[in-house]
Amino acid sequence: MESAELTRLSGLLGRNIRLLVEGLAARGISCLGGGTPIVTVLVGDEEDALRAGKTLFDAGYYVQSVTFPAVEYHRAVLRLQVNSNHRESDVLGLAESVASALGSLHEKKLAA
């Protein structure tokens, strides 16, 4: 906490949080949080949240799918987390991948 590096690392973390929240918003995804490194995206259906989490994992992103009973039934979420070591391209790539994963789920439901 007394390191001169704290200010630099805190600034990078704040930048990455903003990039993620703004990147999601630019893609039409609202999220809960944004003041801490953990950002929550509401998915709703438990199976959809698990599918989206798997899709993101396969794309190289570790995202937690949180389902009932940890959250209310049909209020499943994806929990995303950034840190100060992530590159800008990584954070924006995550936002794009989340949008793609959720868009694919929505398209499948419309086709069904």
Protein backbone atom coordinates (compact mmCIF):
# COMPACT_ATOMS: atom_id res chain seq x y z
CA MET A 1 0.00 0.00 0.00
CA GLU A 2 2.95 2.30 0.43
CA SER A 3 4.44 1.49 -2.96
CA ALA A 4 4.78 4.27 -5.49
CA GLU A 5 3.29 1.80 -7.93
CA LEU A 6 -0.10 1.87 -6.19
CA THR A 7 -1.24 5.00 -8.02
CA ARG A 8 -0.26 3.54 -11.39
CA LEU A 9 -1.92 0.18 -10.72
CA SER A 10 -5.07 1.82 -9.34
CA GLY A 11 -5.27 4.00 -12.44
CA LEU A 12 -4.93 0.99 -14.74
CA LEU A 13 -7.59 -0.88 -12.80
CA GLY A 14 -9.98 2.06 -12.98
CA ARG A 15 -9.35 2.35 -16.72
CA ASN A 16 -10.10 -1.34 -17.24
CA ILE A 17 -13.32 -1.17 -15.23
CA ARG A 18 -14.48 1.82 -17.30
CA LEU A 19 -13.47 0.10 -20.56
CA LEU A 20 -15.48 -2.98 -19.67
CA VAL A 21 -18.61 -1.14 -18.54
CA GLU A 22 -18.52 1.28 -21.47
CA GLY A 23 -17.67 -1.54 -23.90
CA LEU A 24 -20.68 -3.52 -22.74
CA ALA A 25 -22.94 -0.46 -22.88
CA ALA A 26 -21.77 0.34 -26.42
CA ARG A 27 -22.92 -3.14 -27.40
CA GLY A 28 -26.34 -2.74 -25.78
CA ILE A 29 -25.57 -4.71 -22.63
CA SER A 30 -26.41 -3.18 -19.29
CA CYS A 31 -24.55 -4.36 -16.26
CA LEU A 32 -24.72 -4.13 -12.52
CA GLY A 33 -21.75 -2.68 -10.75
CA GLY A 34 -18.97 -0.81 -12.42
CA GLY A 35 -17.45 0.66 -9.31
CA THR A 36 -15.41 -2.44 -8.55
CA PRO A 37 -13.47 -4.95 -10.66
CA ILE A 38 -16.44 -7.36 -10.58
CA VAL A 39 -19.10 -6.52 -13.16
CA THR A 40 -22.36 -8.46 -13.35
CA VAL A 41 -24.40 -9.03 -16.51
CA LEU A 42 -27.97 -10.26 -16.10
CA VAL A 43 -28.77 -13.20 -18.38
CA GLY A 44 -31.95 -14.56 -16.78
CA ASP A 45 -32.33 -18.20 -17.75
CA GLU A 46 -29.98 -20.59 -15.93
CA GLU A 47 -29.20 -22.68 -19.00
CA ASP A 48 -28.47 -19.56 -21.03
CA ALA A 49 -26.04 -18.31 -18.41
CA LEU A 50 -24.23 -21.66 -18.36
CA ARG A 51 -24.09 -21.77 -22.18
CA ALA A 52 -22.77 -18.21 -22.36
CA GLY A 53 -20.15 -19.01 -19.72
CA LYS A 54 -19.02 -22.06 -21.69
CA THR A 55 -18.89 -20.08 -24.93
CA LEU A 56 -16.76 -17.42 -23.26
CA PHE A 57 -14.50 -20.04 -21.67
CA ASP A 58 -13.99 -21.65 -25.07
CA ALA A 59 -13.06 -18.20 -26.40
CA GLY A 60 -10.40 -17.88 -23.70
CA TYR A 61 -12.26 -15.86 -21.06
CA TYR A 62 -12.85 -17.15 -17.55
CA VAL A 63 -16.31 -15.87 -16.62
CA GLN A 64 -18.43 -17.17 -13.78
CA SER A 65 -21.99 -18.23 -14.52
CA VAL A 66 -23.99 -17.72 -11.34
CA THR A 67 -27.33 -19.50 -11.10
CA PHE A 68 -30.02 -20.42 -8.59
CA PRO A 69 -29.74 -20.81 -5.59
CA ALA A 70 -26.87 -18.29 -5.46
CA VAL A 71 -29.18 -15.79 -7.18
CA GLU A 72 -32.95 -15.68 -7.58
CA TYR A 73 -34.48 -18.25 -9.92
CA HIS A 74 -34.42 -17.02 -13.54
CA ARG A 75 -32.08 -14.18 -12.56
CA ALA A 76 -28.85 -15.96 -13.56
CA VAL A 77 -25.87 -13.73 -14.23
CA LEU A 78 -22.40 -13.68 -15.67
CA ARG A 79 -19.78 -12.27 -13.35
CA LEU A 80 -16.90 -10.66 -15.17
CA GLN A 81 -13.73 -9.47 -13.52
CA VAL A 82 -10.86 -7.30 -14.67
CA ASN A 83 -7.55 -6.40 -13.09
CA SER A 84 -4.81 -3.88 -13.71
CA ASN A 85 -2.75 -6.35 -15.75
CA HIS A 86 -5.33 -6.81 -18.50
CA ARG A 87 -4.56 -5.05 -21.76
CA GLU A 88 -7.11 -2.72 -23.30
CA SER A 89 -7.54 -5.16 -26.20
CA ASP A 90 -8.30 -7.97 -23.71
CA VAL A 91 -11.01 -5.96 -21.96
CA LEU A 92 -12.64 -4.82 -25.19
CA GLY A 93 -12.37 -8.35 -26.55
CA LEU A 94 -14.25 -9.60 -23.50
CA ALA A 95 -17.01 -7.03 -24.03
CA GLU A 96 -17.31 -8.08 -27.68
CA SER A 97 -17.31 -11.78 -26.78
CA VAL A 98 -20.03 -11.29 -24.15
CA ALA A 99 -22.17 -9.45 -26.70
CA SER A 100 -21.60 -12.20 -29.25
CA ALA A 101 -22.40 -15.00 -26.78
CA LEU A 102 -25.60 -13.33 -25.60
CA GLY A 103 -26.58 -12.43 -29.17
CA SER A 104 -26.18 -16.05 -30.24
CA LEU A 105 -28.46 -17.20 -27.42
CA HIS A 106 -31.07 -14.63 -28.40
CA GLU A 107 -30.91 -15.67 -32.07
CA LYS A 108 -31.36 -19.35 -31.14
CA LYS A 109 -34.46 -18.51 -29.09
CA LEU A 110 -35.96 -16.53 -31.96
CA ALA A 111 -35.31 -19.40 -34.36
CA ALA A 112 -36.94 -21.95 -32.04
